Amino acid sequence: MTAVGHAAIIVAERKALLARTEFLVREFHPVLAAGTVIRAVTRCRAELLRAGVRRGLAGATDARVRAQLGRTTADVDRGCVGGDSPVAGTAVPDPRECRGTS
């Protein structure tokens, strides 16, 4: 593969990862801060790179982050049900603001 071809693959992977990160931030927005989602993406991406994943990095990162953040949001949901603040240092939310309640 030429250097130009390799560079094009790297650019495409980075664009895909950025797009997926933006989508994840919007998806988890009301429950998790953008910084939390971005840190999770950064950590997962670094772990996958250390493990040797190069192709499909954006998809693999997306899957790992969704699993990790899914557990985190489940903890937040349980926090809302229990009446404690789901995020340390914040006020107890109105029960109507908790996910899955009306």
PDB file of N, CA and C in Angstrom:
ATOM      1  N   MET A   1       0.852  -1.172   0.000  1.00  0.00           N
ATOM      2  CA  MET A   1       0.000   0.000   0.000  1.00  0.00           C
ATOM      3  C   MET A   1       0.899   1.237   0.000  1.00  0.00           C
ATOM      4  N   THR A   2       0.482   2.244  -0.715  1.00  0.00           N
ATOM      5  CA  THR A   2       1.267   3.478  -0.779  1.00  0.00           C
ATOM      6  C   THR A   2       1.050   4.304   0.479  1.00  0.00           C
ATOM      7  N   ALA A   3       1.948   5.242   0.698  1.00  0.00           N
ATOM      8  CA  ALA A   3       1.824   6.131   1.856  1.00  0.00           C
ATOM      9  C   ALA A   3       0.547   6.957   1.764  1.00  0.00           C
ATOM     10  N   VAL A   4       0.192   7.367   0.563  1.00  0.00           N
ATOM     11  CA  VAL A   4      -1.029   8.156   0.367  1.00  0.00           C
ATOM     12  C   VAL A   4      -2.265   7.312   0.689  1.00  0.00           C
ATOM     13  N   GLY A   5      -2.260   6.065   0.251  1.00  0.00           N
ATOM     14  CA  GLY A   5      -3.383   5.170   0.548  1.00  0.00           C
ATOM     15  C   GLY A   5      -3.533   4.922   2.040  1.00  0.00           C
ATOM     16  N   HIS A   6      -2.411   4.729   2.701  1.00  0.00           N
ATOM     17  CA  HIS A   6      -2.434   4.515   4.154  1.00  0.00           C
ATOM     18  C   HIS A   6      -2.942   5.762   4.870  1.00  0.00           C
ATOM     19  N   ALA A   7      -2.484   6.928   4.443  1.00  0.00           N
ATOM     20  CA  ALA A   7      -2.931   8.185   5.048  1.00  0.00           C
ATOM     21  C   ALA A   7      -4.432   8.379   4.851  1.00  0.00           C
ATOM     22  N   ALA A   8      -4.926   8.013   3.682  1.00  0.00           N
ATOM     23  CA  ALA A   8      -6.359   8.152   3.409  1.00  0.00           C
ATOM     24  C   ALA A   8      -7.181   7.265   4.341  1.00  0.00           C
ATOM     25  N   ILE A   9      -6.677   6.070   4.619  1.00  0.00           N
ATOM     26  CA  ILE A   9      -7.371   5.168   5.542  1.00  0.00           C
ATOM     27  C   ILE A   9      -7.402   5.763   6.940  1.00  0.00           C
ATOM     28  N   ILE A  10      -6.279   6.316   7.378  1.00  0.00           N
ATOM     29  CA  ILE A  10      -6.204   6.923   8.711  1.00  0.00           C
ATOM     30  C   ILE A  10      -7.167   8.102   8.818  1.00  0.00           C
ATOM     31  N   VAL A  11      -7.205   8.946   7.795  1.00  0.00           N
ATOM     32  CA  VAL A  11      -8.108  10.095   7.798  1.00  0.00           C
ATOM     33  C   VAL A  11      -9.562   9.625   7.835  1.00  0.00           C
ATOM     34  N   ALA A  12      -9.896   8.622   7.050  1.00  0.00           N
ATOM     35  CA  ALA A  12     -11.266   8.099   7.026  1.00  0.00           C
ATOM     36  C   ALA A  12     -11.655   7.525   8.383  1.00  0.00           C
ATOM     37  N   GLU A  13     -10.746   6.792   9.023  1.00  0.00           N
ATOM     38  CA  GLU A  13     -11.029   6.224  10.345  1.00  0.00           C
ATOM     39  C   GLU A  13     -11.242   7.322  11.379  1.00  0.00           C
ATOM     40  N   ARG A  14     -10.416   8.354  11.325  1.00  0.00           N
ATOM     41  CA  ARG A  14     -10.558   9.460  12.289  1.00  0.00           C
ATOM     42  C   ARG A  14     -11.879  10.203  12.087  1.00  0.00           C
ATOM     43  N   LYS A  15     -12.270  10.405  10.839  1.00  0.00           N
ATOM     44  CA  LYS A  15     -13.551  11.061  10.561  1.00  0.00           C
ATOM     45  C   LYS A  15     -14.712  10.200  11.064  1.00  0.00           C
ATOM     46  N   ALA A  16     -14.612   8.897  10.849  1.00  0.00           N
ATOM     47  CA  ALA A  16     -15.663   7.989  11.319  1.00  0.00           C
ATOM     48  C   ALA A  16     -15.741   8.009  12.841  1.00  0.00           C
ATOM     49  N   LEU A  17     -14.597   8.024  13.504  1.00  0.00           N
ATOM     50  CA  LEU A  17     -14.579   8.055  14.962  1.00  0.00           C
ATOM     51  C   LEU A  17     -15.167   9.364  15.475  1.00  0.00           C
ATOM     52  N   LEU A  18     -14.839  10.477  14.848  1.00  0.00           N
ATOM     53  CA  LEU A  18     -15.381  11.767  15.249  1.00  0.00           C
ATOM     54  C   LEU A  18     -16.898  11.787  15.081  1.00  0.00           C
ATOM     55  N   ALA A  19     -17.380  11.275  13.966  1.00  0.00           N
ATOM     56  CA  ALA A  19     -18.829  11.246  13.726  1.00  0.00           C
ATOM     57  C   ALA A  19     -19.535  10.384  14.766  1.00  0.00           C
ATOM     58  N   ARG A  20     -18.958   9.238  15.083  1.00  0.00           N
ATOM     59  CA  ARG A  20     -19.578   8.370  16.087  1.00  0.00           C
ATOM     60  C   ARG A  20     -19.524   8.996  17.470  1.00  0.00           C
ATOM     61  N   THR A  21     -18.441   9.694  17.777  1.00  0.00           N
ATOM     62  CA  THR A  21     -18.333  10.381  19.071  1.00  0.00           C
ATOM     63  C   THR A  21     -19.413  11.440  19.189  1.00  0.00           C
ATOM     64  N   GLU A  22     -19.598  12.229  18.146  1.00  0.00           N
ATOM     65  CA  GLU A  22     -20.648  13.256  18.151  1.00  0.00           C
ATOM     66  C   GLU A  22     -22.021  12.623  18.344  1.00  0.00           C
ATOM     67  N   PHE A  23     -22.263  11.517  17.676  1.00  0.00           N
ATOM     68  CA  PHE A  23     -23.548  10.834  17.797  1.00  0.00           C
ATOM     69  C   PHE A  23     -23.747  10.323  19.229  1.00  0.00           C
ATOM     70  N   LEU A  24     -22.700   9.731  19.816  1.00  0.00           N
ATOM     71  CA  LEU A  24     -22.805   9.225  21.184  1.00  0.00           C
ATOM     72  C   LEU A  24     -23.051  10.356  22.184  1.00  0.00           C
ATOM     73  N   VAL A  25     -22.399  11.489  21.987  1.00  0.00           N
ATOM     74  CA  VAL A  25     -22.613  12.638  22.877  1.00  0.00           C
ATOM     75  C   VAL A  25     -24.076  13.053  22.833  1.00  0.00           C
ATOM     76  N   ARG A  26     -24.648  13.136  21.620  1.00  0.00           N
ATOM     77  CA  ARG A  26     -26.065  13.503  21.502  1.00  0.00           C
ATOM     78  C   ARG A  26     -26.968  12.429  22.102  1.00  0.00           C
ATOM     79  N   GLU A  27     -26.633  11.181  21.896  1.00  0.00           N
ATOM     80  CA  GLU A  27     -27.478  10.094  22.384  1.00  0.00           C
ATOM     81  C   GLU A  27     -27.546  10.042  23.911  1.00  0.00           C
ATOM     82  N   PHE A  28     -26.417  10.245  24.567  1.00  0.00           N
ATOM     83  CA  PHE A  28     -26.375  10.148  26.028  1.00  0.00           C
ATOM     84  C   PHE A  28     -26.520  11.504  26.704  1.00  0.00           C
ATOM     85  N   HIS A  29     -26.823  12.556  25.928  1.00  0.00           N
ATOM     86  CA  HIS A  29     -26.817  13.931  26.410  1.00  0.00           C
ATOM     87  C   HIS A  29     -27.568  14.192  27.714  1.00  0.00           C
ATOM     88  N   PRO A  30     -28.814  13.894  27.853  1.00  0.00           N
ATOM     89  CA  PRO A  30     -29.477  14.336  29.079  1.00  0.00           C
ATOM     90  C   PRO A  30     -28.949  13.632  30.332  1.00  0.00           C
ATOM     91  N   VAL A  31     -28.392  12.454  30.168  1.00  0.00           N
ATOM     92  CA  VAL A  31     -27.971  11.670  31.324  1.00  0.00           C
ATOM     93  C   VAL A  31     -26.500  11.872  31.654  1.00  0.00           C
ATOM     94  N   LEU A  32     -25.655  11.933  30.633  1.00  0.00           N
ATOM     95  CA  LEU A  32     -24.219  12.060  30.839  1.00  0.00           C
ATOM     96  C   LEU A  32     -23.681  13.313  30.162  1.00  0.00           C
ATOM     97  N   ALA A  33     -22.712  13.929  30.807  1.00  0.00           N
ATOM     98  CA  ALA A  33     -22.078  15.113  30.233  1.00  0.00           C
ATOM     99  C   ALA A  33     -21.254  14.721  29.013  1.00  0.00           C
ATOM    100  N   ALA A  34     -21.094  15.659  28.091  1.00  0.00           N
ATOM    101  CA  ALA A  34     -20.316  15.403  26.881  1.00  0.00           C
ATOM    102  C   ALA A  34     -18.899  14.978  27.219  1.00  0.00           C
ATOM    103  N   GLY A  35     -18.299  15.598  28.221  1.00  0.00           N
ATOM    104  CA  GLY A  35     -16.936  15.251  28.617  1.00  0.00           C
ATOM    105  C   GLY A  35     -16.805  13.809  29.063  1.00  0.00           C
ATOM    106  N   THR A  36     -17.820  13.298  29.742  1.00  0.00           N
ATOM    107  CA  THR A  36     -17.818  11.906  30.183  1.00  0.00           C
ATOM    108  C   THR A  36     -17.811  10.973  28.990  1.00  0.00           C
ATOM    109  N   VAL A  37     -18.635  11.277  28.005  1.00  0.00           N
ATOM    110  CA  VAL A  37     -18.718  10.444  26.804  1.00  0.00           C
ATOM    111  C   VAL A  37     -17.403  10.519  26.027  1.00  0.00           C
ATOM    112  N   ILE A  38     -16.869  11.709  25.869  1.00  0.00           N
ATOM    113  CA  ILE A  38     -15.630  11.881  25.109  1.00  0.00           C
ATOM    114  C   ILE A  38     -14.473  11.162  25.800  1.00  0.00           C
ATOM    115  N   ARG A  39     -14.388  11.242  27.128  1.00  0.00           N
ATOM    116  CA  ARG A  39     -13.335  10.513  27.860  1.00  0.00           C
ATOM    117  C   ARG A  39     -13.469   9.011  27.666  1.00  0.00           C
ATOM    118  N   ALA A  40     -14.707   8.509  27.682  1.00  0.00           N
ATOM    119  CA  ALA A  40     -14.923   7.081  27.467  1.00  0.00           C
ATOM    120  C   ALA A  40     -14.464   6.668  26.070  1.00  0.00           C
ATOM    121  N   VAL A  41     -14.773   7.486  25.069  1.00  0.00           N
ATOM    122  CA  VAL A  41     -14.354   7.200  23.696  1.00  0.00           C
ATOM    123  C   VAL A  41     -12.833   7.203  23.604  1.00  0.00           C
ATOM    124  N   THR A  42     -12.203   8.196  24.202  1.00  0.00           N
ATOM    125  CA  THR A  42     -10.749   8.315  24.153  1.00  0.00           C
ATOM    126  C   THR A  42     -10.074   7.114  24.807  1.00  0.00           C
ATOM    127  N   ARG A  43     -10.570   6.725  25.980  1.00  0.00           N
ATOM    128  CA  ARG A  43      -9.999   5.559  26.685  1.00  0.00           C
ATOM    129  C   ARG A  43     -10.166   4.282  25.883  1.00  0.00           C
ATOM    130  N   CYS A  44     -11.371   4.048  25.382  1.00  0.00           N
ATOM    131  CA  CYS A  44     -11.628   2.825  24.611  1.00  0.00           C
ATOM    132  C   CYS A  44     -10.792   2.783  23.343  1.00  0.00           C
ATOM    133  N   ARG A  45     -10.677   3.905  22.670  1.00  0.00           N
ATOM    134  CA  ARG A  45      -9.872   3.966  21.449  1.00  0.00           C
ATOM    135  C   ARG A  45      -8.416   3.640  21.758  1.00  0.00           C
ATOM    136  N   ALA A  46      -7.890   4.207  22.836  1.00  0.00           N
ATOM    137  CA  ALA A  46      -6.496   3.942  23.209  1.00  0.00           C
ATOM    138  C   ALA A  46      -6.283   2.465  23.547  1.00  0.00           C
ATOM    139  N   GLU A  47      -7.241   1.869  24.267  1.00  0.00           N
ATOM    140  CA  GLU A  47      -7.137   0.446  24.610  1.00  0.00           C
ATOM    141  C   GLU A  47      -7.139  -0.418  23.347  1.00  0.00           C
ATOM    142  N   LEU A  48      -8.012  -0.095  22.413  1.00  0.00           N
ATOM    143  CA  LEU A  48      -8.092  -0.865  21.176  1.00  0.00           C
ATOM    144  C   LEU A  48      -6.829  -0.705  20.334  1.00  0.00           C
ATOM    145  N   LEU A  49      -6.288   0.498  20.285  1.00  0.00           N
ATOM    146  CA  LEU A  49      -5.041   0.714  19.548  1.00  0.00           C
ATOM    147  C   LEU A  49      -3.901  -0.086  20.161  1.00  0.00           C
ATOM    148  N   ARG A  50      -3.821  -0.097  21.506  1.00  0.00           N
ATOM    149  CA  ARG A  50      -2.785  -0.893  22.183  1.00  0.00           C
ATOM    150  C   ARG A  50      -2.956  -2.381  21.894  1.00  0.00           C
ATOM    151  N   ALA A  51      -4.201  -2.793  21.703  1.00  0.00           N
ATOM    152  CA  ALA A  51      -4.484  -4.200  21.412  1.00  0.00           C
ATOM    153  C   ALA A  51      -4.231  -4.540  19.939  1.00  0.00           C
ATOM    154  N   GLY A  52      -3.926  -3.528  19.123  1.00  0.00           N
ATOM    155  CA  GLY A  52      -3.599  -3.781  17.727  1.00  0.00           C
ATOM    156  C   GLY A  52      -4.722  -3.576  16.733  1.00  0.00           C
ATOM    157  N   VAL A  53      -5.856  -3.078  17.180  1.00  0.00           N
ATOM    158  CA  VAL A  53      -6.977  -2.845  16.267  1.00  0.00           C
ATOM    159  C   VAL A  53      -6.671  -1.606  15.440  1.00  0.00           C
ATOM    160  N   ARG A  54      -6.766  -1.729  14.136  1.00  0.00           N
ATOM    161  CA  ARG A  54      -6.542  -0.590  13.249  1.00  0.00           C
ATOM    162  C   ARG A  54      -7.761  -0.383  12.344  1.00  0.00           C
ATOM    163  N   ARG A  55      -8.130  -1.399  11.613  1.00  0.00           N
ATOM    164  CA  ARG A  55      -9.309  -1.287  10.748  1.00  0.00           C
ATOM    165  C   ARG A  55     -10.562  -1.506  11.582  1.00  0.00           C
ATOM    166  N   GLY A  56     -11.561  -0.706  11.288  1.00  0.00           N
ATOM    167  CA  GLY A  56     -12.810  -0.828  12.029  1.00  0.00           C
ATOM    168  C   GLY A  56     -12.716  -0.267  13.433  1.00  0.00           C
ATOM    169  N   LEU A  57     -11.743   0.607  13.669  1.00  0.00           N
ATOM    170  CA  LEU A  57     -11.527   1.173  15.003  1.00  0.00           C
ATOM    171  C   LEU A  57     -12.751   1.946  15.487  1.00  0.00           C
ATOM    172  N   ALA A  58     -13.373   2.714  14.603  1.00  0.00           N
ATOM    173  CA  ALA A  58     -14.540   3.509  15.003  1.00  0.00           C
ATOM    174  C   ALA A  58     -15.694   2.603  15.440  1.00  0.00           C
ATOM    175  N   GLY A  59     -15.956   1.560  14.684  1.00  0.00           N
ATOM    176  CA  GLY A  59     -17.044   0.646  15.042  1.00  0.00           C
ATOM    177  C   GLY A  59     -16.775  -0.099  16.333  1.00  0.00           C
ATOM    178  N   ALA A  60     -15.542  -0.557  16.500  1.00  0.00           N
ATOM    179  CA  ALA A  60     -15.183  -1.277  17.727  1.00  0.00           C
ATOM    180  C   ALA A  60     -15.254  -0.348  18.930  1.00  0.00           C
ATOM    181  N   THR A  61     -14.789   0.889  18.748  1.00  0.00           N
ATOM    182  CA  THR A  61     -14.843   1.869  19.841  1.00  0.00           C
ATOM    183  C   THR A  61     -16.290   2.157  20.198  1.00  0.00           C
ATOM    184  N   ASP A  62     -17.130   2.348  19.195  1.00  0.00           N
ATOM    185  CA  ASP A  62     -18.549   2.618  19.419  1.00  0.00           C
ATOM    186  C   ASP A  62     -19.187   1.506  20.244  1.00  0.00           C
ATOM    187  N   ALA A  63     -18.928   0.264  19.884  1.00  0.00           N
ATOM    188  CA  ALA A  63     -19.526  -0.868  20.597  1.00  0.00           C
ATOM    189  C   ALA A  63     -19.077  -0.909  22.055  1.00  0.00           C
ATOM    190  N   ARG A  64     -17.781  -0.705  22.294  1.00  0.00           N
ATOM    191  CA  ARG A  64     -17.266  -0.743  23.667  1.00  0.00           C
ATOM    192  C   ARG A  64     -17.805   0.414  24.498  1.00  0.00           C
ATOM    193  N   VAL A  65     -17.867   1.598  23.902  1.00  0.00           N
ATOM    194  CA  VAL A  65     -18.359   2.764  24.635  1.00  0.00           C
ATOM    195  C   VAL A  65     -19.839   2.589  24.961  1.00  0.00           C
ATOM    196  N   ARG A  66     -20.617   2.092  24.012  1.00  0.00           N
ATOM    197  CA  ARG A  66     -22.047   1.868  24.281  1.00  0.00           C
ATOM    198  C   ARG A  66     -22.249   0.905  25.448  1.00  0.00           C
ATOM    199  N   ALA A  67     -21.458  -0.163  25.479  1.00  0.00           N
ATOM    200  CA  ALA A  67     -21.576  -1.124  26.577  1.00  0.00           C
ATOM    201  C   ALA A  67     -21.214  -0.463  27.902  1.00  0.00           C
ATOM    202  N   GLN A  68     -20.131   0.288  27.902  1.00  0.00           N
ATOM    203  CA  GLN A  68     -19.677   0.944  29.125  1.00  0.00           C
ATOM    204  C   GLN A  68     -20.668   2.010  29.586  1.00  0.00           C
ATOM    205  N   LEU A  69     -21.097   2.861  28.672  1.00  0.00           N
ATOM    206  CA  LEU A  69     -22.009   3.933  29.043  1.00  0.00           C
ATOM    207  C   LEU A  69     -23.408   3.404  29.344  1.00  0.00           C
ATOM    208  N   GLY A  70     -23.770   2.294  28.735  1.00  0.00           N
ATOM    209  CA  GLY A  70     -25.054   1.669  29.061  1.00  0.00           C
ATOM    210  C   GLY A  70     -25.103   1.256  30.520  1.00  0.00           C
ATOM    211  N   ARG A  71     -23.990   0.715  31.014  1.00  0.00           N
ATOM    212  CA  ARG A  71     -23.919   0.358  32.442  1.00  0.00           C
ATOM    213  C   ARG A  71     -23.972   1.615  33.306  1.00  0.00           C
ATOM    214  N   THR A  72     -23.299   2.673  32.869  1.00  0.00           N
ATOM    215  CA  THR A  72     -23.279   3.923  33.628  1.00  0.00           C
ATOM    216  C   THR A  72     -24.673   4.539  33.699  1.00  0.00           C
ATOM    217  N   THR A  73     -25.381   4.566  32.585  1.00  0.00           N
ATOM    218  CA  THR A  73     -26.725   5.146  32.605  1.00  0.00           C
ATOM    219  C   THR A  73     -27.678   4.289  33.411  1.00  0.00           C
ATOM    220  N   ALA A  74     -27.458   2.980  33.453  1.00  0.00           N
ATOM    221  CA  ALA A  74     -28.292   2.120  34.295  1.00  0.00           C
ATOM    222  C   ALA A  74     -28.083   2.482  35.758  1.00  0.00           C
ATOM    223  N   ASP A  75     -26.831   2.785  36.124  1.00  0.00           N
ATOM    224  CA  ASP A  75     -26.554   3.215  37.499  1.00  0.00           C
ATOM    225  C   ASP A  75     -27.246   4.536  37.794  1.00  0.00           C
ATOM    226  N   VAL A  76     -27.250   5.448  36.821  1.00  0.00           N
ATOM    227  CA  VAL A  76     -27.915   6.737  36.997  1.00  0.00           C
ATOM    228  C   VAL A  76     -29.409   6.525  37.150  1.00  0.00           C
ATOM    229  N   ASP A  77     -29.992   5.648  36.339  1.00  0.00           N
ATOM    230  CA  ASP A  77     -31.424   5.361  36.448  1.00  0.00           C
ATOM    231  C   ASP A  77     -31.767   4.819  37.824  1.00  0.00           C
ATOM    232  N   ARG A  78     -30.949   3.907  38.331  1.00  0.00           N
ATOM    233  CA  ARG A  78     -31.198   3.360  39.669  1.00  0.00           C
ATOM    234  C   ARG A  78     -31.069   4.452  40.709  1.00  0.00           C
ATOM    235  N   GLY A  79     -30.155   5.391  40.499  1.00  0.00           N
ATOM    236  CA  GLY A  79     -29.986   6.506  41.429  1.00  0.00           C
ATOM    237  C   GLY A  79     -31.227   7.364  41.480  1.00  0.00           C
ATOM    238  N   CYS A  80     -31.852   7.572  40.352  1.00  0.00           N
ATOM    239  CA  CYS A  80     -33.076   8.373  40.318  1.00  0.00           C
ATOM    240  C   CYS A  80     -34.193   7.670  41.074  1.00  0.00           C
ATOM    241  N   VAL A  81     -34.274   6.376  40.903  1.00  0.00           N
ATOM    242  CA  VAL A  81     -35.327   5.622  41.573  1.00  0.00           C
ATOM    243  C   VAL A  81     -35.110   5.650  43.080  1.00  0.00           C
ATOM    244  N   GLY A  82     -33.858   5.557  43.507  1.00  0.00           N
ATOM    245  CA  GLY A  82     -33.552   5.535  44.932  1.00  0.00           C
ATOM    246  C   GLY A  82     -33.685   6.877  45.607  1.00  0.00           C
ATOM    247  N   GLY A  83     -33.797   7.969  44.845  1.00  0.00           N
ATOM    248  CA  GLY A  83     -33.961   9.280  45.435  1.00  0.00           C
ATOM    249  C   GLY A  83     -32.663  10.015  45.677  1.00  0.00           C
ATOM    250  N   ASP A  84     -31.519   9.386  45.432  1.00  0.00           N
ATOM    251  CA  ASP A  84     -30.239  10.058  45.578  1.00  0.00           C
ATOM    252  C   ASP A  84     -29.877  10.739  44.282  1.00  0.00           C
ATOM    253  N   SER A  85     -28.971  11.693  44.392  1.00  0.00           N
ATOM    254  CA  SER A  85     -28.495  12.366  43.197  1.00  0.00           C
ATOM    255  C   SER A  85     -27.712  11.384  42.345  1.00  0.00           C
ATOM    256  N   PRO A  86     -28.007  11.269  41.049  1.00  0.00           N
ATOM    257  CA  PRO A  86     -27.294  10.334  40.196  1.00  0.00           C
ATOM    258  C   PRO A  86     -25.875  10.780  39.893  1.00  0.00           C
ATOM    259  N   VAL A  87     -25.583  12.060  40.060  1.00  0.00           N
ATOM    260  CA  VAL A  87     -24.251  12.574  39.797  1.00  0.00           C
ATOM    261  C   VAL A  87     -23.773  13.272  41.058  1.00  0.00           C
ATOM    262  N   ALA A  88     -22.616  12.860  41.556  1.00  0.00           N
ATOM    263  CA  ALA A  88     -22.096  13.421  42.800  1.00  0.00           C
ATOM    264  C   ALA A  88     -22.014  14.939  42.716  1.00  0.00           C
ATOM    265  N   GLY A  89     -22.448  15.599  43.785  1.00  0.00           N
ATOM    266  CA  GLY A  89     -22.347  17.051  43.846  1.00  0.00           C
ATOM    267  C   GLY A  89     -23.478  17.802  43.175  1.00  0.00           C
ATOM    268  N   THR A  90     -24.490  17.091  42.711  1.00  0.00           N
ATOM    269  CA  THR A  90     -25.618  17.769  42.079  1.00  0.00           C
ATOM    270  C   THR A  90     -26.876  17.529  42.903  1.00  0.00           C
ATOM    271  N   ALA A  91     -27.860  18.341  42.639  1.00  0.00           N
ATOM    272  CA  ALA A  91     -29.121  18.215  43.362  1.00  0.00           C
ATOM    273  C   ALA A  91     -29.868  16.961  42.941  1.00  0.00           C
ATOM    274  N   VAL A  92     -30.717  16.497  43.813  1.00  0.00           N
ATOM    275  CA  VAL A  92     -31.561  15.344  43.486  1.00  0.00           C
ATOM    276  C   VAL A  92     -32.522  15.773  42.397  1.00  0.00           C
ATOM    277  N   PRO A  93     -32.598  15.005  41.285  1.00  0.00           N
ATOM    278  CA  PRO A  93     -33.461  15.415  40.177  1.00  0.00           C
ATOM    279  C   PRO A  93     -34.932  15.219  40.487  1.00  0.00           C
ATOM    280  N   ASP A  94     -35.733  15.964  39.775  1.00  0.00           N
ATOM    281  CA  ASP A  94     -37.160  15.767  39.825  1.00  0.00           C
ATOM    282  C   ASP A  94     -37.425  14.379  39.246  1.00  0.00           C
ATOM    283  N   PRO A  95     -38.229  13.536  39.886  1.00  0.00           N
ATOM    284  CA  PRO A  95     -38.471  12.186  39.382  1.00  0.00           C
ATOM    285  C   PRO A  95     -38.953  12.152  37.934  1.00  0.00           C
ATOM    286  N   ARG A  96     -39.628  13.211  37.486  1.00  0.00           N
ATOM    287  CA  ARG A  96     -40.095  13.247  36.106  1.00  0.00           C
ATOM    288  C   ARG A  96     -38.937  13.377  35.127  1.00  0.00           C
ATOM    289  N   GLU A  97     -37.777  13.823  35.617  1.00  0.00           N
ATOM    290  CA  GLU A  97     -36.610  13.980  34.747  1.00  0.00           C
ATOM    291  C   GLU A  97     -35.829  12.687  34.594  1.00  0.00           C
ATOM    292  N   CYS A  98     -36.087  11.709  35.425  1.00  0.00           N
ATOM    293  CA  CYS A  98     -35.389  10.441  35.347  1.00  0.00           C
ATOM    294  C   CYS A  98     -35.846   9.686  34.121  1.00  0.00           C
ATOM    295  N   ARG A  99     -34.919   8.996  33.493  1.00  0.00           N
ATOM    296  CA  ARG A  99     -35.265   8.234  32.291  1.00  0.00           C
ATOM    297  C   ARG A  99     -36.204   7.105  32.659  1.00  0.00           C
ATOM    298  N   GLY A 100     -37.126   6.861  31.795  1.00  0.00           N
ATOM    299  CA  GLY A 100     -38.034   5.724  31.968  1.00  0.00           C
ATOM    300  C   GLY A 100     -39.187   6.002  32.905  1.00  0.00           C
ATOM    301  N   THR A 101     -39.346   7.247  33.368  1.00  0.00           N
ATOM    302  CA  THR A 101     -40.485   7.564  34.214  1.00  0.00           C
ATOM    303  C   THR A 101     -41.339   8.600  33.514  1.00  0.00           C
ATOM    304  N   SER A 102     -42.567   8.743  33.978  1.00  0.00           N
ATOM    305  CA  SER A 102     -43.428   9.760  33.347  1.00  0.00           C
ATOM    306  C   SER A 102     -43.920  10.732  34.359  1.00  0.00           C
TER     307      SER A 102
END
